[in-house]
Protein backbone atom coordinates (compact mmCIF):
# COMPACT_ATOMS: atom_id res chain seq x y z
CA MET A 1 35.11 -126.51 67.89
CA SER A 2 38.52 -125.03 69.34
CA SER A 3 39.51 -124.26 65.69
CA ASP A 4 36.17 -122.83 64.95
CA LEU A 5 36.24 -120.50 68.24
CA ALA A 6 39.74 -119.87 67.16
CA ALA A 7 38.57 -118.76 64.08
CA ILE A 8 35.71 -116.74 65.44
CA VAL A 9 38.51 -114.90 67.58
CA VAL A 10 40.78 -113.77 64.85
CA VAL A 11 37.75 -112.61 63.26
CA LEU A 12 36.60 -109.86 65.89
CA ALA A 13 39.90 -109.53 66.82
CA ALA A 14 40.28 -107.83 62.83
CA LEU A 15 37.20 -106.44 62.83
CA ILE A 16 38.41 -104.30 66.50
CA VAL A 17 41.70 -103.75 64.31
CA VAL A 18 39.85 -101.90 61.36
CA GLY A 19 37.36 -100.49 63.61
CA LEU A 20 40.84 -98.56 65.77
CA VAL A 21 42.18 -97.92 62.09
CA VAL A 22 39.34 -95.90 60.90
CA LEU A 23 38.37 -94.22 64.46
CA ILE A 24 41.90 -93.05 64.29
CA ARG A 25 41.93 -92.03 60.71
CA THR A 26 38.75 -90.14 61.24
CA ARG A 27 40.03 -88.06 64.11
CA ARG A 28 43.05 -87.66 62.49
CA VAL A 29 40.83 -85.37 59.89
CA VAL A 30 39.82 -83.59 62.59
CA ALA A 31 41.83 -83.31 65.02
CA THR A 32 42.83 -79.96 65.33
CA PRO A 33 41.09 -76.79 66.51
CA THR A 34 41.24 -75.11 63.44
CA GLU A 35 40.67 -78.29 61.60
CA ARG A 36 37.36 -78.90 63.13
CA ALA A 37 36.18 -75.05 63.08
CA VAL A 38 37.39 -75.16 58.97
CA HIS A 39 35.04 -78.30 58.82
CA THR A 40 32.27 -76.57 60.98
CA ALA A 41 32.28 -73.50 58.88
CA LEU A 42 31.96 -75.33 55.59
CA HIS A 43 29.32 -77.46 56.61
CA THR A 44 27.57 -74.36 57.99
CA ALA A 45 27.88 -72.62 54.77
CA SER A 46 26.50 -75.42 52.69
CA LEU A 47 23.50 -75.31 54.83
CA ALA A 48 22.90 -71.78 53.78
CA ALA A 49 23.85 -72.73 50.13
CA ARG A 50 21.02 -75.85 50.11
CA SER A 51 18.47 -72.95 51.02
CA LEU A 52 19.14 -70.30 48.53
CA ARG A 53 20.19 -72.35 45.39
CA GLY A 54 15.94 -71.97 44.88
CA GLY A 55 16.53 -68.37 44.76
CA LEU A 56 16.37 -65.20 47.25
CA GLY A 57 12.35 -65.57 48.87
CA ALA A 58 10.28 -65.50 52.17
CA GLU A 59 11.27 -69.05 52.57
CA SER A 60 14.99 -69.88 51.32
CA ALA A 61 15.44 -66.22 53.70
CA ARG A 62 13.99 -67.75 56.69
CA ASP A 63 15.63 -71.12 56.07
CA ALA A 64 19.44 -69.19 55.45
CA LEU A 65 19.17 -67.15 58.34
CA PRO A 66 20.38 -69.60 61.29
CA PRO A 67 23.46 -70.64 59.07
CA LEU A 68 24.15 -67.18 58.35
CA ARG A 69 23.88 -65.86 61.68
CA SER A 70 26.58 -68.84 62.49
CA LEU A 71 28.62 -67.82 59.93
CA THR A 72 28.95 -63.95 61.28
CA ALA A 73 29.00 -64.28 64.91
CA ALA A 74 26.38 -62.10 64.98
CA GLN A 75 23.25 -61.45 67.74
CA GLY A 76 20.53 -60.92 64.65
CA VAL A 77 20.48 -61.47 61.15
CA ALA A 78 17.90 -60.09 58.41
CA LEU A 79 17.63 -60.60 54.76
CA TYR A 80 15.92 -57.98 52.09
CA ASP A 81 15.19 -58.89 48.71
CA ALA A 82 16.61 -56.36 45.60
CA ASP A 83 13.60 -53.17 46.59
CA ALA A 84 14.99 -53.30 49.90
CA GLU A 85 11.93 -54.88 51.54
CA ALA A 86 12.48 -57.33 54.43
CA LEU A 87 12.09 -61.09 53.62
CA ALA A 88 12.98 -62.29 57.08
CA HIS A 89 14.89 -61.78 60.51
CA ASP A 90 15.86 -64.20 63.23
CA ASP A 91 13.48 -63.98 66.50
CA ASP A 92 16.14 -62.41 68.72
CA PRO A 93 14.96 -59.70 70.73
CA VAL A 94 17.63 -57.45 69.43
CA TRP A 95 14.82 -56.84 66.79
CA THR A 96 13.03 -54.07 68.20
CA THR A 97 10.75 -51.71 65.77
CA ARG A 98 13.52 -49.12 66.33
CA VAL A 99 16.51 -50.74 65.24
CA LEU A 100 14.01 -53.11 62.51
CA THR A 101 13.47 -49.88 61.08
CA ALA A 102 16.91 -48.45 61.14
CA ALA A 103 17.93 -51.99 59.74
CA ASP A 104 15.48 -50.73 56.63
CA ALA A 105 16.86 -48.26 56.20
CA ALA A 106 20.52 -49.27 55.96
CA ALA A 107 19.46 -51.84 53.62
CA ALA A 108 18.36 -49.53 50.94
CA SER A 109 20.87 -47.57 51.36
CA ALA A 110 23.54 -50.43 50.81
CA LEU A 111 21.24 -51.26 47.98
CA ALA A 112 21.74 -47.97 46.46
CA GLN A 113 25.43 -47.47 47.02
CA GLN A 114 26.10 -50.90 46.43
CA ARG A 115 28.51 -50.61 49.73
CA ARG A 116 28.61 -51.31 53.28
CA VAL A 117 26.61 -49.50 55.55
CA LEU A 118 27.51 -49.57 59.38
CA VAL A 119 25.26 -47.57 61.53
CA ASN A 120 26.22 -47.31 64.85
CA ASP A 121 23.61 -47.00 67.85
CA PRO A 122 21.15 -47.35 65.85
CA SER A 123 18.16 -47.00 68.60
CA GLY A 124 20.31 -44.43 70.98
CA PRO A 125 23.13 -45.08 73.15
CA ASP A 126 21.41 -47.00 75.58
CA SER A 127 20.35 -49.49 73.35
CA PRO A 128 22.10 -53.40 73.60
CA VAL A 129 22.46 -52.98 70.02
CA ARG A 130 25.58 -50.82 68.97
CA ALA A 131 26.00 -51.55 65.23
CA LEU A 132 24.04 -52.90 62.41
CA VAL A 133 25.98 -53.75 59.41
CA ALA A 134 24.47 -53.58 56.22
CA GLU A 135 26.35 -55.32 53.12
CA PRO A 136 24.54 -55.46 49.47
CA LEU A 137 23.96 -58.62 47.79
CA ILE A 138 25.31 -58.46 43.84
CA ALA A 139 24.00 -60.75 41.64
CA GLY A 140 26.16 -60.42 38.03
CA ASP A 141 25.81 -56.05 37.92
CA ALA A 142 22.68 -55.37 39.81
CA GLY A 143 21.89 -55.57 43.91
CA ALA A 144 19.49 -58.77 44.89
CA GLY A 145 19.47 -57.76 48.12
CA ALA A 146 20.66 -57.13 50.79
CA LEU A 147 21.98 -58.72 54.56
CA VAL A 148 21.97 -56.79 57.73
CA VAL A 149 23.64 -57.83 60.76
CA ALA A 150 23.07 -56.74 64.25
CA THR A 151 25.88 -56.47 66.84
CA VAL A 152 26.06 -56.01 70.64
CA SER A 153 29.76 -54.29 70.52
CA ARG A 154 31.30 -52.16 67.74
CA PRO A 155 32.22 -54.37 64.53
CA GLY A 156 36.38 -54.63 63.96
CA PRO A 157 37.99 -54.91 61.52
CA GLY A 158 38.03 -58.73 61.67
CA MET A 159 34.17 -59.27 62.01
CA LEU A 160 33.58 -56.52 59.04
CA GLY A 161 35.49 -58.79 56.95
CA ALA A 162 33.95 -61.95 58.08
CA ILE A 163 30.37 -60.56 57.20
CA ALA A 164 32.02 -59.25 53.78
CA GLU A 165 32.98 -62.55 52.98
CA VAL A 166 29.68 -64.03 54.09
CA ALA A 167 27.70 -61.37 51.83
CA ARG A 168 29.60 -62.28 48.91
CA TYR A 169 28.90 -65.78 49.44
CA VAL A 170 25.14 -65.62 49.25
CA SER A 171 25.12 -63.33 46.86
CA ASP A 172 27.13 -66.07 45.14
CA GLN A 173 24.30 -68.36 45.81
CA VAL A 174 21.50 -65.92 44.69
CA GLU A 175 23.33 -65.60 41.08
CA LEU A 176 23.99 -69.49 40.46
CA ALA A 177 19.85 -69.79 41.26
CA GLU A 178 19.02 -66.99 38.77
CA LEU A 179 21.53 -68.59 36.37
CA ASP A 180 19.64 -71.94 37.05
CA ALA A 181 16.17 -70.21 36.35
CA SER A 182 17.73 -68.77 32.97
CA ARG A 183 18.70 -72.07 31.84
CA ALA A 184 15.43 -73.67 32.52
CA ARG A 185 13.41 -70.44 30.92
CA LEU A 186 16.20 -70.63 27.77
CA ASP A 187 15.60 -74.72 27.87
CA ARG A 188 11.83 -73.87 27.80
CA ALA A 189 12.32 -71.55 25.00
CA GLU A 190 14.67 -73.36 22.89
CA VAL A 191 11.71 -76.55 22.67
CA LEU A 192 8.86 -73.49 21.89
CA ALA A 193 11.29 -72.75 18.81
CA LEU A 194 11.33 -76.55 18.13
CA ARG A 195 8.02 -76.71 17.86
CA ALA A 196 7.35 -74.15 16.27
CA GLN A 197 9.58 -75.52 13.48
CA ILE A 198 8.47 -79.04 13.20
CA SER A 199 4.79 -78.32 13.87
CA PRO A 200 4.02 -76.30 10.33
CA HIS A 201 5.21 -78.87 7.92
CA PHE A 202 4.06 -81.93 10.04
CA ILE A 203 0.63 -80.69 10.55
CA TYR A 204 0.23 -79.49 7.06
CA ASN A 205 0.87 -82.59 5.45
CA ALA A 206 -0.66 -84.73 8.39
CA LEU A 207 -4.14 -83.02 7.51
CA ASN A 208 -3.71 -83.42 4.35
CA THR A 209 -3.02 -87.05 4.59
CA ILE A 210 -6.28 -87.38 6.67
CA ALA A 211 -8.67 -85.58 4.69
CA SER A 212 -7.75 -87.52 1.87
CA PHE A 213 -9.28 -90.56 3.71
CA VAL A 214 -12.65 -89.04 5.14
CA ARG A 215 -14.66 -89.92 2.24
CA THR A 216 -13.00 -93.15 0.99
CA ASP A 217 -12.06 -94.81 4.27
CA PRO A 218 -13.60 -92.63 7.11
CA ASP A 219 -12.81 -95.59 9.70
CA ARG A 220 -9.02 -95.30 8.54
CA ALA A 221 -9.60 -91.18 8.81
CA ARG A 222 -11.25 -91.50 12.18
CA GLU A 223 -8.34 -93.74 13.63
CA LEU A 224 -5.62 -91.03 11.98
CA ILE A 225 -7.30 -88.25 13.84
CA ILE A 226 -6.71 -90.26 17.30
CA GLU A 227 -3.20 -90.45 16.34
CA PHE A 228 -3.02 -87.06 15.36
CA ALA A 229 -4.40 -85.77 19.09
CA ASP A 230 -2.23 -87.95 20.81
CA PHE A 231 0.71 -86.82 19.23
CA THR A 232 -0.33 -83.06 19.11
CA ARG A 233 -0.55 -83.60 23.29
CA TYR A 234 2.69 -84.74 23.71
CA SER A 235 4.26 -82.74 21.59
CA PHE A 236 2.77 -79.60 23.02
CA ARG A 237 2.66 -80.96 26.69
CA ALA A 238 3.58 -77.86 29.17
CA ALA A 239 5.16 -80.05 31.87
CA GLY A 240 9.09 -81.23 31.91
CA GLU A 241 11.94 -80.67 30.26
CA TYR A 242 12.69 -83.96 29.96
CA THR A 243 10.85 -87.65 28.51
CA LEU A 244 11.61 -91.25 29.02
CA LEU A 245 13.33 -92.88 25.91
CA SER A 246 9.93 -95.06 25.98
CA ASP A 247 7.25 -91.97 25.77
CA GLU A 248 10.17 -90.54 22.79
CA LEU A 249 9.93 -93.98 21.11
CA ARG A 250 5.48 -93.81 21.40
CA ASN A 251 5.07 -90.30 19.97
CA ILE A 252 7.22 -91.43 17.10
CA ASP A 253 5.37 -94.73 16.16
CA ARG A 254 2.24 -91.91 16.37
CA TYR A 255 3.92 -89.69 13.79
CA LEU A 256 5.35 -92.87 11.82
CA THR A 257 1.79 -94.08 11.56
CA LEU A 258 0.80 -90.46 9.64
CA GLU A 259 3.73 -90.67 7.55
CA ARG A 260 3.12 -94.35 6.67
CA ALA A 261 -0.47 -93.39 5.71
CA ARG A 262 1.00 -90.56 3.77
CA PHE A 263 3.28 -92.59 1.82
CA GLY A 264 1.82 -96.21 2.05
CA PRO A 265 4.40 -99.45 1.74
CA ALA A 266 7.03 -96.75 -0.02
CA LEU A 267 7.81 -95.86 3.82
CA ASP A 268 9.86 -98.97 5.81
CA VAL A 269 10.64 -98.52 9.12
CA LYS A 270 12.47 -100.77 11.59
CA LEU A 271 12.94 -100.75 15.09
CA HIS A 272 15.50 -102.22 17.27
CA VAL A 273 15.49 -100.92 20.76
CA ALA A 274 17.00 -102.99 23.73
CA PRO A 275 14.18 -103.41 26.75
CA GLU A 276 16.40 -101.88 29.75
CA VAL A 277 17.07 -98.99 28.03
CA LEU A 278 13.34 -97.79 27.73
CA GLY A 279 13.30 -95.98 31.05
CA VAL A 280 16.62 -93.61 29.93
CA VAL A 281 15.61 -90.36 30.72
CA LEU A 282 16.76 -87.57 27.56
CA PRO A 283 15.44 -84.26 26.31
CA PHE A 284 12.16 -83.91 25.49
CA LEU A 285 11.46 -84.01 21.75
CA ALA A 286 15.44 -85.00 20.90
CA LEU A 287 14.82 -87.68 18.81
CA GLN A 288 11.45 -86.23 16.67
CA PRO A 289 13.59 -84.28 14.88
CA LEU A 290 15.94 -87.05 14.02
CA VAL A 291 13.24 -89.04 12.43
CA GLU A 292 11.52 -86.36 10.81
CA ASN A 293 14.51 -85.30 9.17
CA ALA A 294 15.18 -88.58 8.16
CA VAL A 295 11.50 -88.64 6.78
CA ARG A 296 11.72 -84.89 5.16
CA HIS A 297 14.73 -84.55 4.02
CA GLY A 298 16.04 -88.44 3.52
CA LEU A 299 13.09 -90.20 1.89
CA ALA A 300 10.20 -87.70 0.59
CA ALA A 301 12.68 -86.39 -2.14
CA LYS A 302 12.90 -90.29 -3.33
CA GLY A 303 9.47 -91.01 -2.48
CA GLY A 304 10.31 -93.62 -0.14
CA GLY A 305 12.72 -95.65 1.29
CA SER A 306 13.58 -97.04 4.93
CA ILE A 307 14.44 -95.52 8.16
CA THR A 308 16.17 -97.80 11.13
CA ILE A 309 15.98 -96.29 14.40
CA THR A 310 18.12 -98.00 17.18
CA ALA A 311 18.25 -97.68 21.15
CA ARG A 312 21.41 -99.91 22.38
CA ASP A 313 22.96 -100.34 26.21
CA GLU A 314 26.37 -99.48 26.16
CA GLY A 315 27.28 -99.36 30.21
CA THR A 316 26.87 -96.51 31.17
CA ASP A 317 25.03 -94.80 28.23
CA CYS A 318 22.22 -95.31 25.74
CA VAL A 319 23.52 -94.78 22.48
CA ILE A 320 20.28 -93.85 20.28
CA THR A 321 20.85 -93.96 16.04
CA VAL A 322 18.77 -92.57 13.29
CA GLU A 323 19.39 -94.04 9.82
CA ASP A 324 17.98 -93.49 6.57
CA ASP A 325 18.93 -94.77 3.00
CA GLY A 326 17.69 -90.95 1.18
CA VAL A 327 19.24 -88.80 -0.68
CA GLY A 328 21.76 -87.76 1.93
CA MET A 329 23.99 -84.91 2.00
CA ASP A 330 27.65 -83.17 0.75
CA PRO A 331 29.98 -84.06 4.14
CA GLN A 332 31.77 -80.97 3.25
CA LEU A 333 29.19 -78.84 5.01
CA LEU A 334 29.79 -81.01 8.24
CA ARG A 335 33.25 -80.89 8.32
CA SER A 336 33.40 -77.87 10.46
CA GLY A 337 31.37 -79.47 13.27
CA ASP A 338 28.78 -77.25 13.09
CA ILE A 339 24.89 -78.46 13.16
CA ASP A 340 23.65 -75.28 11.85
CA ALA A 341 24.72 -76.46 8.21
CA LEU A 342 21.67 -78.53 8.69
CA ASP A 343 18.99 -76.13 9.82
CA PRO A 344 16.01 -74.92 7.74
CA PRO A 345 16.09 -71.22 6.07
CA ALA A 346 13.26 -69.58 7.76
CA ASP A 347 10.96 -69.69 4.72
CA ALA A 348 10.79 -73.76 4.32
CA THR A 349 6.83 -73.27 5.69
CA PRO A 350 4.48 -75.01 3.04
CA SER A 351 2.38 -72.77 0.87
CA ARG A 352 -1.02 -73.04 0.01
CA ASP A 353 -1.11 -74.84 -3.30
CA GLU A 354 0.91 -77.90 -2.39
CA SER A 355 -0.38 -81.11 -2.52
CA ALA A 356 -1.09 -83.59 0.21
CA THR A 357 2.01 -85.62 -0.57
CA SER A 358 4.35 -82.94 -1.70
CA ASP A 359 7.04 -82.03 1.51
CA PRO A 360 8.06 -78.62 2.15
CA GLY A 361 11.89 -78.09 2.64
CA ALA A 362 12.16 -82.05 0.97
CA ARG A 363 11.91 -80.44 -2.41
CA ASP A 364 15.42 -81.11 -3.08
CA GLY A 365 18.90 -83.07 -1.76
CA SER A 366 20.09 -79.30 0.06
CA ALA A 367 20.58 -78.87 4.00
CA GLY A 368 17.39 -76.75 3.73
CA ALA A 369 15.21 -79.78 4.64
CA ARG A 370 16.61 -80.18 7.76
CA VAL A 371 14.80 -79.08 10.80
CA GLY A 372 15.86 -78.98 14.80
CA LEU A 373 18.88 -80.37 14.43
CA THR A 374 21.25 -77.34 16.23
CA ASN A 375 18.62 -77.04 18.95
CA VAL A 376 18.53 -80.50 19.96
CA ASP A 377 22.46 -80.71 19.72
CA HIS A 378 22.21 -78.05 22.33
CA ARG A 379 20.14 -79.19 24.53
CA LEU A 380 21.76 -82.27 24.56
CA ARG A 381 25.21 -80.93 25.68
CA ALA A 382 24.12 -78.56 28.13
CA ALA A 383 22.27 -81.46 29.93
CA PHE A 384 24.91 -84.06 29.72
CA GLY A 385 28.47 -82.06 28.33
CA ASN A 386 30.12 -81.27 25.25
CA ASP A 387 31.01 -85.24 25.50
CA TYR A 388 26.84 -85.83 24.22
CA GLY A 389 26.12 -83.68 21.46
CA LEU A 390 24.94 -85.26 17.70
CA VAL A 391 27.29 -87.22 16.01
CA VAL A 392 26.21 -86.78 11.68
CA ASP A 393 27.27 -89.44 8.88
CA THR A 394 26.26 -88.63 5.33
CA GLY A 395 27.42 -88.69 2.12
CA ILE A 396 25.77 -87.74 -1.43
CA GLY A 397 23.36 -90.38 -2.45
CA ALA A 398 24.42 -92.70 1.03
CA GLY A 399 21.78 -91.89 3.07
CA THR A 400 22.14 -90.34 6.60
CA LYS A 401 22.64 -91.57 10.01
CA VAL A 402 22.33 -89.57 13.18
CA GLY A 403 23.24 -90.47 16.37
CA MET A 404 23.12 -89.63 20.03
CA ARG A 405 24.85 -91.25 23.38
CA VAL A 406 22.48 -90.30 26.49
CA PRO A 407 24.16 -91.30 30.02
CA LYS A 408 21.91 -93.66 31.75
CA PHE A 409 21.71 -91.66 34.95
CA ARG A 410 23.19 -88.35 35.27
CA ALA A 411 21.71 -86.27 38.53
CA GLY A 412 19.82 -83.35 38.37
CA VAL A 413 18.21 -85.03 34.87
CA ARG A 414 14.28 -86.72 35.73
CA VAL A 415 11.52 -86.52 34.44
């Protein structure tokens, strides 16, 4: 019993020592008044950034006012949009009707001139507000809004400099929000472009295949129509730039069901997917172009063949490959590392007189049969970084293998 008690005492003593060390180190981090002030300022700035990174609007402006007031050490703070329309001002009584009118004019003037505007005694010499300072918010080369602060004393150079820095910080956050919005719009545009590239070739052949079964095998035709409807519903969905690997594979299975109806037993598909990677998130329609290229470019030119789709777990990443034993292509076209060589010409649209088994763009072994790989490569790199682009391994008569590496988790990337 005494030995157990001694062990407990030793453990408690060790815990107390560790706690004291942690406490001393924590205090040492922000020990001086200057260090505490810097820590407080950075924390306050992060609160403002959290509100503004979604863009400058009425709600975000209202949420950003308290930290901005703290950063400027002003009695009142107001934010305006790019049209000099008031978004929000705090509840301080300094904002009388006359002061607000003067603030509106100051914000408009600061935006028009793209420089600071200082207004002394905005509501007369007896007003508690001695000055208004209006700073334009510049995102890129354009005015994005204005920051107006009210002070009860004449602002000196130090305060004016602080307000200018806060305005510059707000401008940076607004510009980052606009860049994020632009990237999202670009991603949506790229998905639309990818759909436009893929759909004419596949839809043409799928509808012709379904039509060929209508009289000979109506039940089979009905099944294929359902598969085609589900495929197009997923491919043309409006929501989200990302999807789950399981959903992407399910839609690829619909695509291959339709292609197998066209090729028959000449098209052999093998699927090797580790169950633990089915929940991995990847850009929407990232796999579909790879599989369609394998069918259209690799196999249609020789009348069939095999496709192997593999998704395996590699530590923090998921590695996905699509391999075909088709005609392949000249690796010289890829030596520069430019996937553009694999994209189709602008006129690779099917003609009316092609038969149901013809495949526009795949009439020869040229690079023109490739669809949308540049698009996929760009979206992978934009989402995960330059280490996550497409890797292509091919040779004339040796088939083609296209792979991608996707992180199993990436902050900000979700369905």
